[in-house]
Amino acid sequence: MQRLLALVAVVGALLFVPVSPAAAHPFGDPQTITVALDPARADVVRIRWKAGGLDDLTLLGVSLGVLPEDRVYLDGAVFYEDADATALGPSSQLSAYLLDRITVADGDEPCAGTVQPPSDLARAGVTVDYACPGPVGKATVGVRTLTDLHPAYQTLATGPGNQRAVYRDGEATHDWVLGDVAAGRPSLGRSAAVQIGGVALGALLVVIVLLAVRRRRGPIHPR
């Protein structure tokens, strides 16, 4: 009887444990962003953000008050439903969050962001356009999304000319080369291929020279 009463007390206590958005899932697929200029405007930096996991969208929705707290279970499990992204995508809370956690600056001048209504938040993410004071050659982009829920969240970022960066807690900013300057940057993949090809060609030339020398000397007869 005492064991039963103790079990009831434990279960009763768990029922009053608050659901905390800090029960995050940062160790799955990382969130991603792409950085580029608007094809039609050299003064607009375009950022596309996409969550790594669907449960991250649910967790973010709960944190922002868009989704009810019962979407996160007492053990920290998060179960995503299609309705979560449908509710979160057009919300003003998500727009305000992205504009606060993703920033763009052209030198010392901040760029004003505008969140584009996402057509499919879960699969395509959301685009934010940042209008800068003038044509952008280089931009400093800050990304702090989801690290407020858990510091282990990371963001894989890509930009023009095969530029890459990883945003994480404590490393939230990165400088990107954009526009005509980026177009002139050598492709990292192409450069590597050229270097490998050069090494292979050099080795082949050495072999050819050695064969030519051996033929000139003729066969070596033992004495």
Protein backbone atom coordinates (compact mmCIF):
# COMPACT_ATOMS: atom_id res chain seq x y z
CA MET A 1 0.00 0.00 0.00
CA GLN A 2 2.83 2.37 0.87
CA ARG A 3 4.50 1.68 -2.50
CA LEU A 4 1.24 2.43 -4.29
CA LEU A 5 0.85 5.71 -2.44
CA ALA A 6 4.45 6.65 -3.25
CA LEU A 7 3.88 5.88 -6.95
CA VAL A 8 0.72 8.00 -6.98
CA ALA A 9 2.65 10.87 -5.37
CA VAL A 10 5.40 10.68 -7.99
CA VAL A 11 2.90 10.63 -10.88
CA GLY A 12 1.01 13.51 -9.31
CA ALA A 13 4.20 15.54 -9.04
CA LEU A 14 5.09 14.89 -12.69
CA LEU A 15 1.72 16.21 -13.79
CA PHE A 16 2.69 19.62 -12.44
CA VAL A 17 6.14 19.74 -14.05
CA PRO A 18 6.05 22.64 -16.54
CA VAL A 19 6.85 21.90 -20.17
CA SER A 20 10.07 23.72 -21.00
CA PRO A 21 11.07 24.72 -24.55
CA ALA A 22 14.65 24.03 -23.46
CA ALA A 23 13.95 20.31 -24.05
CA ALA A 24 15.37 20.80 -27.52
CA HIS A 25 16.60 18.37 -30.17
CA PRO A 26 19.79 19.99 -31.50
CA PHE A 27 21.66 16.79 -32.32
CA GLY A 28 19.81 15.82 -35.48
CA ASP A 29 20.11 17.37 -38.93
CA PRO A 30 21.39 20.96 -38.65
CA GLN A 31 19.39 23.95 -39.78
CA THR A 32 20.64 25.61 -42.96
CA ILE A 33 20.79 29.03 -44.57
CA THR A 34 21.80 30.23 -48.01
CA VAL A 35 23.24 33.71 -48.55
CA ALA A 36 23.00 35.49 -51.90
CA LEU A 37 22.12 38.76 -53.57
CA ASP A 38 18.70 39.30 -55.05
CA PRO A 39 19.19 38.58 -58.79
CA ALA A 40 17.40 41.82 -59.64
CA ARG A 41 18.88 44.10 -56.97
CA ALA A 42 22.50 44.47 -55.91
CA ASP A 43 21.48 46.18 -52.66
CA VAL A 44 19.33 43.32 -51.33
CA VAL A 45 20.84 40.34 -49.52
CA ARG A 46 18.59 37.29 -49.65
CA ILE A 47 18.69 34.75 -46.81
CA ARG A 48 16.81 31.46 -46.96
CA TRP A 49 16.47 29.69 -43.60
CA LYS A 50 15.33 26.11 -43.15
CA ALA A 51 14.99 24.12 -39.95
CA GLY A 52 16.93 20.86 -39.78
CA GLY A 53 14.14 18.77 -38.28
CA LEU A 54 10.38 19.07 -38.30
CA ASP A 55 10.33 18.68 -34.53
CA ASP A 56 12.47 21.84 -34.34
CA LEU A 57 9.61 23.77 -35.95
CA THR A 58 7.20 22.41 -33.36
CA LEU A 59 9.57 23.30 -30.54
CA LEU A 60 10.05 26.80 -31.92
CA GLY A 61 6.29 27.21 -32.32
CA VAL A 62 5.78 26.29 -28.66
CA SER A 63 8.54 28.67 -27.58
CA LEU A 64 6.95 31.54 -29.53
CA GLY A 65 3.48 30.83 -28.17
CA VAL A 66 2.07 29.88 -31.56
CA LEU A 67 1.53 26.24 -30.58
CA PRO A 68 0.19 24.90 -27.28
CA GLU A 69 2.67 23.58 -24.72
CA ASP A 70 1.13 20.10 -24.80
CA ARG A 71 2.87 19.57 -28.18
CA VAL A 72 5.99 18.87 -26.09
CA TYR A 73 5.69 15.89 -23.79
CA LEU A 74 6.92 15.63 -20.22
CA ASP A 75 9.89 13.48 -21.25
CA GLY A 76 10.98 16.13 -23.78
CA ALA A 77 9.66 14.27 -26.82
CA VAL A 78 8.32 16.48 -29.58
CA PHE A 79 5.84 15.14 -32.13
CA TYR A 80 5.52 17.18 -35.30
CA GLU A 81 2.22 17.51 -37.15
CA ASP A 82 1.64 19.15 -40.53
CA ALA A 83 -0.60 21.70 -38.83
CA ASP A 84 2.42 22.95 -36.83
CA ALA A 85 4.22 24.40 -39.86
CA THR A 86 0.92 25.65 -41.26
CA ALA A 87 0.32 27.63 -38.08
CA LEU A 88 3.89 28.80 -37.57
CA GLY A 89 4.75 29.81 -41.16
CA PRO A 90 2.54 32.91 -41.59
CA SER A 91 2.68 33.99 -37.94
CA SER A 92 3.97 37.40 -36.96
CA GLN A 93 5.86 35.72 -34.12
CA LEU A 94 8.03 33.77 -36.56
CA SER A 95 8.72 36.87 -38.65
CA ALA A 96 9.76 38.85 -35.57
CA TYR A 97 11.92 35.97 -34.37
CA LEU A 98 13.80 35.62 -37.67
CA LEU A 99 14.40 39.35 -37.96
CA ASP A 100 15.78 39.35 -34.42
CA ARG A 101 17.95 36.23 -34.77
CA ILE A 102 19.22 36.76 -38.35
CA THR A 103 20.92 40.07 -39.10
CA VAL A 104 22.72 41.53 -42.11
CA ALA A 105 25.05 44.52 -42.17
CA ASP A 106 26.89 46.22 -45.02
CA GLY A 107 29.96 47.45 -43.20
CA ASP A 108 28.67 49.43 -40.23
CA GLU A 109 25.24 49.94 -41.81
CA PRO A 110 22.48 47.50 -40.79
CA CYS A 111 20.16 46.25 -43.51
CA ALA A 112 16.39 46.21 -42.98
CA GLY A 113 14.81 42.77 -43.30
CA THR A 114 11.48 41.73 -44.75
CA VAL A 115 10.19 38.18 -44.25
CA GLN A 116 8.53 36.67 -47.32
CA PRO A 117 5.42 34.58 -46.57
CA PRO A 118 6.56 30.94 -46.83
CA SER A 119 4.65 28.67 -49.18
CA ASP A 120 5.97 25.50 -47.52
CA LEU A 121 7.86 26.18 -44.31
CA ALA A 122 8.59 22.53 -43.57
CA ARG A 123 10.12 21.62 -46.93
CA ALA A 124 11.34 24.89 -48.44
CA GLY A 125 11.96 27.08 -45.41
CA VAL A 126 11.45 30.82 -45.40
CA THR A 127 13.14 33.69 -47.25
CA VAL A 128 14.16 36.99 -45.66
CA ASP A 129 15.26 39.91 -47.86
CA TYR A 130 17.56 42.55 -46.35
CA ALA A 131 17.62 45.94 -48.09
CA CYS A 132 21.00 47.65 -47.64
CA PRO A 133 21.92 51.33 -48.17
CA GLY A 134 23.69 50.57 -51.47
CA PRO A 135 25.11 47.79 -53.66
CA VAL A 136 26.66 45.10 -51.48
CA GLY A 137 30.15 43.75 -52.12
CA LYS A 138 30.61 42.17 -48.70
CA ALA A 139 28.07 41.57 -45.97
CA THR A 140 28.31 40.50 -42.34
CA VAL A 141 25.56 38.00 -41.59
CA GLY A 142 24.67 37.03 -38.05
CA VAL A 143 22.67 33.86 -37.33
CA ARG A 144 21.44 33.00 -33.83
CA THR A 145 18.36 30.93 -34.64
CA LEU A 146 17.42 28.18 -32.17
CA THR A 147 20.50 28.66 -29.98
CA ASP A 148 18.17 30.41 -27.53
CA LEU A 149 16.41 27.04 -27.16
CA HIS A 150 19.64 25.07 -26.80
CA PRO A 151 23.26 26.20 -27.29
CA ALA A 152 24.15 23.03 -29.22
CA TYR A 153 22.13 24.04 -32.28
CA GLN A 154 24.27 24.78 -35.34
CA THR A 155 23.57 26.24 -38.78
CA LEU A 156 25.29 25.18 -42.00
CA ALA A 157 25.53 28.13 -44.37
CA THR A 158 26.40 28.38 -48.06
CA GLY A 159 27.03 31.38 -50.29
CA PRO A 160 28.26 32.38 -53.75
CA GLY A 161 31.47 30.89 -55.10
CA ASN A 162 31.27 27.76 -52.92
CA GLN A 163 31.65 29.80 -49.72
CA ARG A 164 30.83 27.85 -46.56
CA ALA A 165 30.40 28.65 -42.90
CA VAL A 166 29.09 27.05 -39.72
CA TYR A 167 27.21 29.18 -37.24
CA ARG A 168 27.15 28.03 -33.63
CA ASP A 169 26.81 29.44 -30.15
CA GLY A 170 29.73 31.82 -29.67
CA GLU A 171 30.41 32.01 -33.43
CA ALA A 172 27.33 33.81 -34.65
CA THR A 173 28.70 36.11 -37.37
CA HIS A 174 30.48 35.57 -40.68
CA ASP A 175 31.58 37.85 -43.53
CA TRP A 176 30.37 36.92 -47.01
CA VAL A 177 31.68 38.07 -50.39
CA LEU A 178 28.75 38.80 -52.69
CA GLY A 179 27.94 40.28 -56.09
CA ASP A 180 30.54 40.75 -58.82
CA VAL A 181 33.35 40.09 -56.35
CA ALA A 182 31.93 36.66 -55.55
CA ALA A 183 31.50 35.88 -59.24
CA GLY A 184 35.24 36.34 -59.72
CA ARG A 185 36.20 34.01 -56.85
CA PRO A 186 37.62 30.68 -57.99
CA SER A 187 35.49 27.64 -57.34
CA LEU A 188 37.02 25.59 -54.53
CA GLY A 189 35.93 22.39 -56.22
CA ARG A 190 37.36 23.45 -59.57
CA SER A 191 40.64 24.58 -57.99
CA ALA A 192 41.05 21.23 -56.26
CA ALA A 193 40.33 19.39 -59.49
CA VAL A 194 42.89 21.50 -61.34
CA GLN A 195 45.52 20.81 -58.68
CA ILE A 196 44.86 17.07 -58.73
CA GLY A 197 44.93 17.05 -62.52
CA GLY A 198 48.25 18.91 -62.50
CA VAL A 199 49.79 16.39 -60.13
CA ALA A 200 48.58 13.47 -62.25
CA LEU A 201 49.90 15.08 -65.45
CA GLY A 202 53.28 15.68 -63.81
CA ALA A 203 53.50 12.04 -62.73
CA LEU A 204 52.61 10.90 -66.24
CA LEU A 205 55.34 13.09 -67.76
CA VAL A 206 57.92 11.61 -65.37
CA VAL A 207 56.94 8.09 -66.45
CA ILE A 208 57.18 9.02 -70.15
CA VAL A 209 60.65 10.55 -69.68
CA LEU A 210 61.91 7.48 -67.81
CA LEU A 211 60.65 5.16 -70.55
CA ALA A 212 62.28 7.31 -73.23
CA VAL A 213 65.62 7.26 -71.40
CA ARG A 214 65.46 3.50 -70.95
CA ARG A 215 64.79 2.95 -74.66
CA ARG A 216 67.72 5.14 -75.64
CA ARG A 217 70.08 3.16 -73.44
CA GLY A 218 68.80 -0.10 -74.87
CA PRO A 219 68.60 -3.42 -73.08
CA ILE A 220 71.07 -4.02 -70.29
CA HIS A 221 72.96 -7.36 -70.72
CA PRO A 222 74.52 -8.96 -67.72
CA ARG A 223 78.30 -9.59 -67.93
